[in-house]
């Protein structure tokens, strides 16, 4: 039992992975608008401003890629939920501007970050 607790402590939480992703994006020049936007359609991990583009960011963390990469977990069903939540955000914030969907992956014990700009389109 003790060994199991030690392993859990070695992993990042979802919130910690989001913190790392947010810091990475801010360092790249994006401006944070909101985190964990929730609505009836779903949740958006991070919403950022990239000059004149609104960026909806999905953050994925995996300690191991034994069962696939973190980016592979953003399937069509997840994309559709993100698109619906983004639509809700755009309506409730009167945002009439270009937008894109990015995925930031955090992987391994060393927390490698990969930023996939425009990971998928709103038409998918």
Foldseek 3Di string as FASTA:
>chain_A
DVVVVVVVVLDDDPVVQLVVVVVVVVVVPKAWDDAFDDDPLGTFGTWIHDPQEIEGEAEFEDQDCPVHFRLVVCDPVVLQSSLVSVVVVCVVVVDDTHYAYKYWYFYHSVGDIDIGTRSDDSVD
